[in-house]
Amino acid sequence: MRVLLQRTAAAEVWIDGTQFSSTKAGLLLLHGTHQDDREDFCGILADKAVNLRIFEDREGKMNLSALDVNAEVMIVSQFTLYADTRKGRRPGFSEAMEPSRAEELYNRFVELVRASELKVATGQFGASMEVKLTNSGPVTILLEHEE
């Protein structure tokens, strides 16, 4: 399982020209599942995402978590995190989990982040979305959990 975490000043998801969801300062979490991922990986990465100390304290050091700063969180499913680009010019996605099971794990991940009591917004699983964000820092970190 992979979560591409970005610290944001704001984030929005647009579907068919209409704003679907938005967040203020906090995190954008792009969530991708590998065909071998299990439900327990969701808890490990949800905990890591909300507790990772990537927000600045009064001295300008990244020493505070999303929980510490009461960040807002946008979570968007992103199967392309498992793109295989080793051969040719067209990415392959054979390592990504099939959609119905991936949606279950995505929903579980969202549920676990929501349990942190942070404000959580989402994209729409399987939809073609425009994701707009203002990356703060910039801070972008890839979180992974594999067997």
Protein backbone atom coordinates (compact mmCIF):
# COMPACT_ATOMS: atom_id res chain seq x y z
CA MET A 1 0.00 0.00 0.00
CA ARG A 2 1.23 3.45 -0.87
CA VAL A 3 0.12 6.84 0.33
CA LEU A 4 1.63 9.90 -1.31
CA LEU A 5 1.30 12.55 1.37
CA GLN A 6 1.46 16.24 0.53
CA ARG A 7 1.29 19.07 3.05
CA THR A 8 -1.15 21.60 1.65
CA ALA A 9 -2.41 25.13 2.15
CA ALA A 10 -5.64 23.98 0.44
CA ALA A 11 -6.97 21.16 -1.75
CA GLU A 12 -10.02 20.65 -3.96
CA VAL A 13 -11.53 17.79 -5.95
CA TRP A 14 -13.58 18.62 -9.03
CA ILE A 15 -15.74 16.11 -10.95
CA ASP A 16 -17.42 17.01 -14.25
CA GLY A 17 -16.72 20.71 -13.72
CA THR A 18 -18.29 20.80 -10.25
CA GLN A 19 -16.44 21.09 -6.97
CA PHE A 20 -16.94 17.78 -5.14
CA SER A 21 -14.95 18.52 -1.97
CA SER A 22 -12.36 20.86 -0.50
CA THR A 23 -10.08 21.29 2.49
CA LYS A 24 -8.13 24.11 4.07
CA ALA A 25 -4.58 23.74 5.40
CA GLY A 26 -3.55 20.17 6.06
CA LEU A 27 -2.82 17.07 4.00
CA LEU A 28 -3.62 15.58 0.62
CA LEU A 29 -3.30 11.79 0.80
CA LEU A 30 -3.21 9.95 -2.54
CA HIS A 31 -3.98 6.30 -1.70
CA GLY A 32 -2.96 3.35 -3.88
CA THR A 33 -3.34 -0.38 -3.25
CA HIS A 34 -1.17 -3.25 -4.45
CA GLN A 35 -2.79 -6.56 -5.41
CA ASP A 36 -1.27 -8.21 -2.28
CA ASP A 37 -2.34 -5.56 0.26
CA ARG A 38 -4.37 -6.44 3.33
CA GLU A 39 -6.82 -4.49 5.46
CA ASP A 40 -4.40 -4.19 8.37
CA PHE A 41 -2.08 -2.11 6.17
CA CYS A 42 -4.76 0.61 6.22
CA GLY A 43 -4.42 1.13 9.96
CA ILE A 44 -0.65 1.26 9.82
CA LEU A 45 -0.58 3.93 7.11
CA ALA A 46 -3.55 5.93 8.49
CA ASP A 47 -1.76 6.14 11.85
CA LYS A 48 1.51 7.12 10.17
CA ALA A 49 -0.17 9.83 8.06
CA VAL A 50 -1.94 11.62 10.93
CA ASN A 51 1.02 11.31 13.32
CA LEU A 52 3.90 12.11 10.97
CA ARG A 53 5.62 15.25 12.25
CA ILE A 54 5.75 17.38 9.11
CA PHE A 55 4.20 20.65 10.30
CA GLU A 56 6.39 23.43 11.62
CA ASP A 57 6.54 24.42 15.27
CA ARG A 58 7.21 27.99 16.49
CA GLU A 59 10.90 27.56 15.73
CA GLY A 60 10.28 26.52 12.12
CA LYS A 61 11.17 22.85 12.65
CA MET A 62 8.97 20.07 11.31
CA ASN A 63 7.98 18.85 14.74
CA LEU A 64 4.16 18.76 14.73
CA SER A 65 1.69 16.23 13.34
CA ALA A 66 -1.63 16.74 11.58
CA LEU A 67 -3.26 15.93 14.91
CA ASP A 68 -1.19 18.59 16.68
CA VAL A 69 -2.26 21.33 14.25
CA ASN A 70 -5.84 20.09 13.69
CA ALA A 71 -5.17 19.75 9.97
CA GLU A 72 -7.84 19.04 7.38
CA VAL A 73 -7.28 15.94 5.26
CA MET A 74 -8.22 15.23 1.64
CA ILE A 75 -8.02 11.54 0.61
CA VAL A 76 -8.10 10.55 -3.05
CA SER A 77 -7.78 7.05 -4.52
CA GLN A 78 -4.86 6.83 -6.97
CA PHE A 79 -4.26 3.44 -8.60
CA THR A 80 -1.49 4.98 -10.72
CA LEU A 81 0.80 4.92 -7.66
CA TYR A 82 1.47 1.34 -8.77
CA ALA A 83 2.37 2.20 -12.35
CA ASP A 84 5.15 0.01 -13.78
CA THR A 85 7.30 2.11 -16.12
CA ARG A 86 10.27 -0.23 -16.47
CA LYS A 87 9.47 -1.22 -20.06
CA GLY A 88 8.36 0.87 -22.97
CA ARG A 89 6.57 4.18 -22.79
CA ARG A 90 3.15 3.10 -21.63
CA PRO A 91 2.78 2.40 -17.90
CA GLY A 92 1.42 -0.96 -16.84
CA PHE A 93 -0.89 -1.37 -13.87
CA SER A 94 -0.85 -5.13 -13.29
CA GLU A 95 0.44 -4.65 -9.72
CA ALA A 96 -2.52 -2.43 -8.74
CA MET A 97 -5.39 -4.12 -6.91
CA GLU A 98 -8.59 -4.86 -8.82
CA PRO A 99 -11.13 -2.06 -8.33
CA SER A 100 -13.79 -3.68 -6.12
CA ARG A 101 -11.30 -4.82 -3.48
CA ALA A 102 -9.27 -1.59 -3.82
CA GLU A 103 -12.42 0.41 -3.08
CA GLU A 104 -12.98 -1.61 0.12
CA LEU A 105 -9.44 -0.84 1.32
CA TYR A 106 -9.72 2.81 0.29
CA ASN A 107 -12.96 3.13 2.28
CA ARG A 108 -11.36 1.43 5.28
CA PHE A 109 -8.39 3.80 5.10
CA VAL A 110 -10.75 6.81 4.97
CA GLU A 111 -12.70 5.43 7.95
CA LEU A 112 -9.51 5.04 10.00
CA VAL A 113 -8.29 8.57 9.21
CA ARG A 114 -11.75 9.90 10.14
CA ALA A 115 -11.45 8.08 13.48
CA SER A 116 -8.64 10.52 14.32
CA GLU A 117 -11.39 13.18 14.50
CA LEU A 118 -9.68 15.39 11.92
CA LYS A 119 -11.90 16.91 9.24
CA VAL A 120 -11.71 14.53 6.26
CA ALA A 121 -12.87 15.11 2.70
CA THR A 122 -12.54 12.64 -0.17
CA GLY A 123 -12.62 12.23 -3.87
CA GLN A 124 -14.99 9.75 -5.54
CA PHE A 125 -13.52 6.29 -6.04
CA GLY A 126 -13.18 5.42 -9.72
CA ALA A 127 -14.22 8.86 -10.99
CA SER A 128 -12.19 11.00 -13.34
CA MET A 129 -11.21 13.87 -11.05
CA GLU A 130 -9.32 17.10 -11.17
CA VAL A 131 -7.34 17.47 -7.96
CA LYS A 132 -6.16 20.99 -7.23
CA LEU A 133 -3.79 21.74 -4.41
CA THR A 134 -1.41 24.28 -3.07
CA ASN A 135 1.56 22.30 -1.79
CA SER A 136 2.96 23.93 1.33
CA GLY A 137 6.71 23.76 1.72
CA PRO A 138 6.75 21.95 -0.62
CA VAL A 139 6.47 18.80 1.47
CA THR A 140 5.75 15.53 -0.35
CA ILE A 141 6.45 12.15 1.26
CA LEU A 142 5.79 8.62 0.02
CA LEU A 143 4.52 6.27 2.74
CA GLU A 144 4.62 2.55 1.95
CA HIS A 145 3.70 -0.64 3.70
CA GLU A 146 4.43 -4.01 2.12
CA GLU A 147 4.93 -7.55 3.30
